[in-house]
N, C-alpha and C. Protein backbone atom coordinates (compact mmCIF):
# COMPACT_ATOMS: atom_id res chain seq x y z
N MET A 1 199.45 -42.69 -92.54
CA MET A 1 199.58 -41.87 -93.74
C MET A 1 200.99 -41.29 -93.75
N THR A 2 201.67 -41.42 -94.87
CA THR A 2 203.03 -40.91 -94.96
C THR A 2 203.03 -39.40 -95.06
N VAL A 3 204.18 -38.81 -94.82
CA VAL A 3 204.31 -37.35 -94.91
C VAL A 3 204.02 -36.88 -96.33
N VAL A 4 204.51 -37.62 -97.32
CA VAL A 4 204.28 -37.24 -98.73
C VAL A 4 202.79 -37.29 -99.05
N THR A 5 202.09 -38.32 -98.60
CA THR A 5 200.65 -38.44 -98.85
C THR A 5 199.90 -37.30 -98.18
N ARG A 6 200.27 -36.98 -96.94
CA ARG A 6 199.62 -35.86 -96.25
C ARG A 6 199.85 -34.55 -96.98
N PHE A 7 201.09 -34.35 -97.45
CA PHE A 7 201.40 -33.12 -98.18
C PHE A 7 200.58 -33.03 -99.46
N ALA A 8 200.50 -34.13 -100.20
CA ALA A 8 199.73 -34.14 -101.45
C ALA A 8 198.26 -33.85 -101.18
N PHE A 9 197.71 -34.47 -100.13
CA PHE A 9 196.31 -34.24 -99.78
C PHE A 9 196.08 -32.77 -99.41
N ALA A 10 196.99 -32.19 -98.62
CA ALA A 10 196.87 -30.79 -98.22
C ALA A 10 196.97 -29.86 -99.42
N ALA A 11 197.85 -30.18 -100.37
CA ALA A 11 198.01 -29.34 -101.56
C ALA A 11 196.74 -29.35 -102.41
N VAL A 12 196.14 -30.52 -102.58
CA VAL A 12 194.89 -30.62 -103.36
C VAL A 12 193.77 -29.86 -102.66
N ALA A 13 193.68 -30.01 -101.36
CA ALA A 13 192.65 -29.29 -100.59
C ALA A 13 192.84 -27.79 -100.70
N ALA A 14 194.06 -27.33 -100.61
CA ALA A 14 194.33 -25.89 -100.70
C ALA A 14 193.98 -25.35 -102.08
N LEU A 15 194.28 -26.11 -103.12
CA LEU A 15 193.95 -25.67 -104.48
C LEU A 15 192.45 -25.57 -104.69
N SER A 16 191.69 -26.47 -104.09
CA SER A 16 190.24 -26.46 -104.29
C SER A 16 189.59 -25.23 -103.66
N PHE A 17 190.26 -24.59 -102.68
CA PHE A 17 189.71 -23.41 -102.04
C PHE A 17 190.43 -22.13 -102.44
N ALA A 18 191.41 -22.24 -103.34
CA ALA A 18 192.19 -21.08 -103.76
C ALA A 18 191.34 -20.16 -104.64
N ALA A 19 191.70 -18.90 -104.64
CA ALA A 19 191.01 -17.93 -105.49
C ALA A 19 191.29 -18.25 -106.96
N VAL A 20 190.35 -17.92 -107.81
CA VAL A 20 190.52 -18.13 -109.24
C VAL A 20 191.59 -17.16 -109.74
N PRO A 21 192.61 -17.68 -110.44
CA PRO A 21 193.66 -16.78 -110.92
C PRO A 21 193.16 -15.92 -112.09
N VAL A 22 193.70 -14.73 -112.16
CA VAL A 22 193.41 -13.85 -113.30
C VAL A 22 194.36 -14.25 -114.42
N TYR A 23 193.85 -14.35 -115.61
CA TYR A 23 194.67 -14.70 -116.77
C TYR A 23 195.84 -13.72 -116.88
N PRO A 24 197.06 -14.22 -117.07
CA PRO A 24 198.24 -13.34 -117.12
C PRO A 24 198.12 -12.25 -118.20
N GLY A 25 198.32 -11.02 -117.80
CA GLY A 25 198.27 -9.89 -118.73
C GLY A 25 196.89 -9.34 -118.99
N ALA A 26 195.85 -9.99 -118.47
CA ALA A 26 194.48 -9.50 -118.67
C ALA A 26 194.30 -8.19 -117.90
N VAL A 27 193.53 -7.27 -118.50
CA VAL A 27 193.30 -5.95 -117.92
C VAL A 27 191.87 -5.88 -117.38
N LEU A 28 191.74 -5.42 -116.14
CA LEU A 28 190.42 -5.27 -115.52
C LEU A 28 189.62 -4.22 -116.28
N ASP A 29 188.38 -4.57 -116.64
CA ASP A 29 187.44 -3.63 -117.28
C ASP A 29 186.45 -3.21 -116.20
N VAL A 30 186.71 -2.05 -115.60
CA VAL A 30 185.92 -1.58 -114.46
C VAL A 30 184.45 -1.38 -114.84
N ALA A 31 184.20 -0.76 -115.99
CA ALA A 31 182.82 -0.50 -116.41
C ALA A 31 182.06 -1.81 -116.63
N ALA A 32 182.68 -2.77 -117.30
CA ALA A 32 182.02 -4.05 -117.54
C ALA A 32 181.81 -4.80 -116.22
N SER A 33 182.75 -4.70 -115.31
CA SER A 33 182.61 -5.34 -113.99
C SER A 33 181.41 -4.78 -113.25
N LYS A 34 181.25 -3.45 -113.26
CA LYS A 34 180.11 -2.82 -112.60
C LYS A 34 178.80 -3.23 -113.26
N ALA A 35 178.79 -3.28 -114.60
CA ALA A 35 177.57 -3.64 -115.32
C ALA A 35 177.15 -5.08 -115.02
N GLU A 36 178.10 -6.01 -115.01
CA GLU A 36 177.78 -7.41 -114.72
C GLU A 36 177.33 -7.59 -113.28
N THR A 37 177.99 -6.89 -112.36
CA THR A 37 177.61 -6.98 -110.95
C THR A 37 176.23 -6.40 -110.72
N ALA A 38 175.87 -5.34 -111.45
CA ALA A 38 174.53 -4.75 -111.33
C ALA A 38 173.45 -5.74 -111.76
N LYS A 39 173.75 -6.58 -112.74
CA LYS A 39 172.79 -7.60 -113.19
C LYS A 39 172.62 -8.71 -112.15
N HIS A 40 173.67 -8.95 -111.39
CA HIS A 40 173.69 -10.05 -110.41
C HIS A 40 174.26 -9.53 -109.09
N PRO A 41 173.54 -8.67 -108.36
CA PRO A 41 174.10 -8.04 -107.17
C PRO A 41 174.57 -9.00 -106.08
N SER A 42 173.98 -10.16 -105.98
CA SER A 42 174.41 -11.10 -104.95
C SER A 42 175.57 -11.98 -105.43
N TYR A 43 175.99 -11.79 -106.66
CA TYR A 43 177.05 -12.58 -107.26
C TYR A 43 177.98 -11.66 -108.04
N PRO A 44 178.84 -10.89 -107.36
CA PRO A 44 179.66 -9.88 -108.03
C PRO A 44 180.66 -10.48 -109.02
N TYR A 45 180.89 -9.74 -110.09
CA TYR A 45 181.81 -10.16 -111.15
C TYR A 45 182.97 -9.19 -111.29
N LYS A 46 184.12 -9.73 -111.70
CA LYS A 46 185.25 -8.93 -112.17
C LYS A 46 185.43 -9.36 -113.62
N VAL A 47 185.46 -8.38 -114.52
CA VAL A 47 185.58 -8.67 -115.95
C VAL A 47 186.94 -8.18 -116.45
N TYR A 48 187.61 -9.04 -117.19
CA TYR A 48 188.93 -8.74 -117.73
C TYR A 48 188.94 -8.93 -119.24
N GLY A 49 189.88 -8.29 -119.90
CA GLY A 49 190.05 -8.46 -121.33
C GLY A 49 191.50 -8.76 -121.66
N THR A 50 191.70 -9.57 -122.68
CA THR A 50 193.04 -9.88 -123.17
C THR A 50 192.99 -10.00 -124.69
N PRO A 51 194.05 -9.58 -125.38
CA PRO A 51 194.09 -9.77 -126.83
C PRO A 51 194.40 -11.22 -127.21
N ASP A 52 194.72 -12.07 -126.22
CA ASP A 52 195.05 -13.47 -126.51
C ASP A 52 193.82 -14.23 -127.01
N SER A 53 194.08 -15.35 -127.67
CA SER A 53 193.02 -16.14 -128.28
C SER A 53 192.15 -16.83 -127.24
N TYR A 54 190.93 -17.11 -127.66
CA TYR A 54 189.97 -17.86 -126.86
C TYR A 54 190.56 -19.20 -126.42
N ASP A 55 191.14 -19.92 -127.37
CA ASP A 55 191.68 -21.25 -127.07
C ASP A 55 192.79 -21.19 -126.03
N LYS A 56 193.63 -20.17 -126.09
CA LYS A 56 194.72 -20.02 -125.13
C LYS A 56 194.17 -19.74 -123.73
N VAL A 57 193.14 -18.90 -123.65
CA VAL A 57 192.54 -18.57 -122.35
C VAL A 57 191.85 -19.81 -121.76
N VAL A 58 191.10 -20.53 -122.58
CA VAL A 58 190.43 -21.75 -122.11
C VAL A 58 191.47 -22.76 -121.61
N ALA A 59 192.56 -22.94 -122.34
CA ALA A 59 193.61 -23.88 -121.94
C ALA A 59 194.22 -23.46 -120.60
N PHE A 60 194.40 -22.16 -120.38
CA PHE A 60 194.96 -21.67 -119.12
C PHE A 60 194.07 -22.08 -117.95
N TYR A 61 192.77 -21.83 -118.06
CA TYR A 61 191.88 -22.16 -116.95
C TYR A 61 191.75 -23.66 -116.73
N LYS A 62 191.79 -24.44 -117.82
CA LYS A 62 191.79 -25.89 -117.65
C LYS A 62 193.05 -26.34 -116.92
N SER A 63 194.19 -25.72 -117.24
CA SER A 63 195.45 -26.10 -116.59
C SER A 63 195.47 -25.72 -115.11
N LYS A 64 194.61 -24.80 -114.72
CA LYS A 64 194.53 -24.38 -113.32
C LYS A 64 193.49 -25.16 -112.53
N GLY A 65 192.91 -26.18 -113.18
CA GLY A 65 191.98 -27.05 -112.48
C GLY A 65 190.52 -26.64 -112.59
N ALA A 66 190.20 -25.66 -113.41
CA ALA A 66 188.80 -25.28 -113.58
C ALA A 66 188.09 -26.40 -114.33
N HIS A 67 186.88 -26.71 -113.88
CA HIS A 67 186.09 -27.76 -114.49
C HIS A 67 185.06 -27.13 -115.40
N GLN A 68 185.05 -27.58 -116.66
CA GLN A 68 184.13 -27.01 -117.62
C GLN A 68 182.71 -27.47 -117.36
N SER A 69 181.78 -26.53 -117.45
CA SER A 69 180.36 -26.81 -117.22
C SER A 69 179.77 -27.57 -118.39
N ASP A 70 178.46 -27.68 -118.43
CA ASP A 70 177.75 -28.49 -119.42
C ASP A 70 178.29 -28.37 -120.85
N ALA A 71 178.16 -27.19 -121.43
CA ALA A 71 178.55 -27.03 -122.83
C ALA A 71 180.00 -26.57 -122.93
N VAL A 72 180.75 -27.17 -123.84
CA VAL A 72 182.14 -26.76 -124.04
C VAL A 72 182.16 -25.37 -124.63
N SER A 73 181.36 -25.12 -125.62
CA SER A 73 181.24 -23.78 -126.19
C SER A 73 179.87 -23.64 -126.82
N ILE A 74 179.45 -22.43 -126.91
CA ILE A 74 178.14 -22.12 -127.49
C ILE A 74 178.39 -21.26 -128.70
N GLY A 75 177.80 -21.62 -129.83
CA GLY A 75 178.03 -20.83 -131.04
C GLY A 75 179.48 -20.97 -131.48
N ASN A 76 179.97 -22.17 -131.54
CA ASN A 76 181.37 -22.42 -131.84
C ASN A 76 181.65 -22.18 -133.32
N THR A 77 181.62 -20.90 -133.69
CA THR A 77 181.89 -20.49 -135.06
C THR A 77 182.89 -19.36 -135.02
N ALA A 78 183.25 -18.84 -136.17
CA ALA A 78 184.16 -17.69 -136.22
C ALA A 78 183.46 -16.43 -135.72
N GLN A 79 182.14 -16.50 -135.51
CA GLN A 79 181.39 -15.34 -135.06
C GLN A 79 181.45 -15.15 -133.54
N GLN A 80 181.32 -16.22 -132.78
CA GLN A 80 181.32 -16.09 -131.33
C GLN A 80 181.56 -17.44 -130.67
N LYS A 81 182.30 -17.42 -129.55
CA LYS A 81 182.51 -18.61 -128.74
C LYS A 81 182.30 -18.22 -127.29
N MET A 82 181.86 -19.19 -126.49
CA MET A 82 181.70 -18.96 -125.06
C MET A 82 181.92 -20.27 -124.33
N ALA A 83 182.66 -20.21 -123.23
CA ALA A 83 182.87 -21.38 -122.37
C ALA A 83 182.58 -20.97 -120.94
N MET A 84 182.02 -21.89 -120.18
CA MET A 84 181.75 -21.66 -118.75
C MET A 84 182.53 -22.68 -117.95
N PHE A 85 183.15 -22.24 -116.86
CA PHE A 85 183.90 -23.13 -115.99
C PHE A 85 183.47 -22.89 -114.56
N ASP A 86 183.60 -23.92 -113.75
CA ASP A 86 183.43 -23.81 -112.30
C ASP A 86 184.79 -24.05 -111.67
N ALA A 87 185.17 -23.19 -110.75
CA ALA A 87 186.43 -23.36 -110.01
C ALA A 87 186.17 -22.97 -108.57
N SER A 88 186.36 -23.87 -107.67
CA SER A 88 186.05 -23.70 -106.24
C SER A 88 184.65 -23.10 -106.12
N ASP A 89 184.52 -21.94 -105.54
CA ASP A 89 183.20 -21.33 -105.37
C ASP A 89 182.94 -20.22 -106.38
N SER A 90 183.69 -20.21 -107.48
CA SER A 90 183.57 -19.16 -108.49
C SER A 90 183.14 -19.74 -109.83
N THR A 91 182.67 -18.86 -110.69
CA THR A 91 182.34 -19.23 -112.06
C THR A 91 183.18 -18.36 -112.99
N ILE A 92 183.68 -18.96 -114.06
CA ILE A 92 184.48 -18.25 -115.04
C ILE A 92 183.74 -18.34 -116.37
N ALA A 93 183.42 -17.19 -116.95
CA ALA A 93 182.79 -17.15 -118.28
C ALA A 93 183.79 -16.54 -119.25
N ILE A 94 184.04 -17.22 -120.36
CA ILE A 94 185.01 -16.76 -121.36
C ILE A 94 184.26 -16.53 -122.66
N ASN A 95 184.38 -15.32 -123.20
CA ASN A 95 183.70 -14.95 -124.45
C ASN A 95 184.71 -14.48 -125.49
N TRP A 96 184.43 -14.76 -126.75
CA TRP A 96 185.24 -14.29 -127.86
C TRP A 96 184.34 -14.13 -129.07
N PRO A 97 184.52 -13.19 -129.94
CA PRO A 97 185.43 -12.04 -129.86
C PRO A 97 184.79 -10.89 -129.10
N VAL A 98 185.63 -10.06 -128.53
CA VAL A 98 185.17 -8.87 -127.81
C VAL A 98 186.18 -7.75 -128.00
N ASP A 99 185.72 -6.53 -127.73
CA ASP A 99 186.65 -5.41 -127.70
C ASP A 99 187.44 -5.48 -126.41
N VAL A 100 188.74 -5.36 -126.49
CA VAL A 100 189.60 -5.33 -125.31
C VAL A 100 190.07 -3.90 -125.12
N LYS A 101 189.92 -3.42 -123.87
CA LYS A 101 190.30 -2.05 -123.55
C LYS A 101 191.48 -2.04 -122.59
N ASP A 102 192.31 -0.99 -122.69
CA ASP A 102 193.38 -0.85 -121.71
C ASP A 102 192.82 -0.19 -120.45
N ALA A 103 193.68 0.08 -119.48
CA ALA A 103 193.23 0.63 -118.20
C ALA A 103 192.53 1.98 -118.35
N SER A 104 192.84 2.72 -119.42
CA SER A 104 192.20 4.03 -119.62
C SER A 104 190.87 3.93 -120.35
N GLY A 105 190.52 2.72 -120.82
CA GLY A 105 189.25 2.54 -121.52
C GLY A 105 189.37 2.57 -123.04
N LYS A 106 190.58 2.78 -123.56
CA LYS A 106 190.80 2.81 -125.01
C LYS A 106 190.79 1.39 -125.57
N VAL A 107 190.08 1.19 -126.68
CA VAL A 107 190.01 -0.13 -127.32
C VAL A 107 191.37 -0.45 -127.94
N THR A 108 191.94 -1.59 -127.53
CA THR A 108 193.24 -2.00 -128.06
C THR A 108 193.13 -3.18 -129.03
N SER A 109 192.00 -3.88 -128.99
CA SER A 109 191.79 -5.02 -129.88
C SER A 109 190.29 -5.26 -130.03
N ARG A 110 189.87 -5.58 -131.23
CA ARG A 110 188.45 -5.90 -131.46
C ARG A 110 188.25 -7.41 -131.55
N THR A 111 189.32 -8.18 -131.44
CA THR A 111 189.21 -9.64 -131.54
C THR A 111 189.77 -10.31 -130.30
N GLY A 112 189.63 -9.66 -129.17
CA GLY A 112 190.16 -10.20 -127.93
C GLY A 112 189.21 -11.15 -127.25
N THR A 113 189.61 -11.57 -126.06
CA THR A 113 188.85 -12.51 -125.26
C THR A 113 188.46 -11.85 -123.95
N ARG A 114 187.20 -12.07 -123.52
CA ARG A 114 186.67 -11.50 -122.28
C ARG A 114 186.57 -12.60 -121.25
N ILE A 115 187.01 -12.30 -120.04
CA ILE A 115 186.98 -13.26 -118.94
C ILE A 115 186.19 -12.63 -117.81
N ALA A 116 185.09 -13.24 -117.42
CA ALA A 116 184.28 -12.75 -116.30
C ALA A 116 184.38 -13.77 -115.17
N ILE A 117 184.87 -13.32 -114.02
CA ILE A 117 185.02 -14.20 -112.86
C ILE A 117 184.03 -13.76 -111.81
N GLY A 118 183.11 -14.64 -111.46
CA GLY A 118 182.08 -14.32 -110.48
C GLY A 118 182.26 -15.10 -109.20
N LYS A 119 181.95 -14.47 -108.10
CA LYS A 119 182.05 -15.13 -106.79
C LYS A 119 180.66 -15.46 -106.30
């Protein structure tokens, strides 16, 4: 096996076990994280919000190697969209539209995107 082949194999292996990245600029929603984790205590969640579009967030996670689960989106209308992804040992749920809050809890957008990352 050449050095380049070994390096490529090691890089792919490392990516498959890497932590799921947080969408750039997304703000942690502590209250929503606690609420989601309370529903699934053995599978804790971190919930984030961004004013960016659903399509942009989905494209980001696809570009990071997340594999989309069964349905691409549920309720694919102007009313609501949802996508589920699997990445390494985590699950990523993306919902739109949602209220996006800043770190103080103030609503900054009513048409933002919610990202829930579960371990």
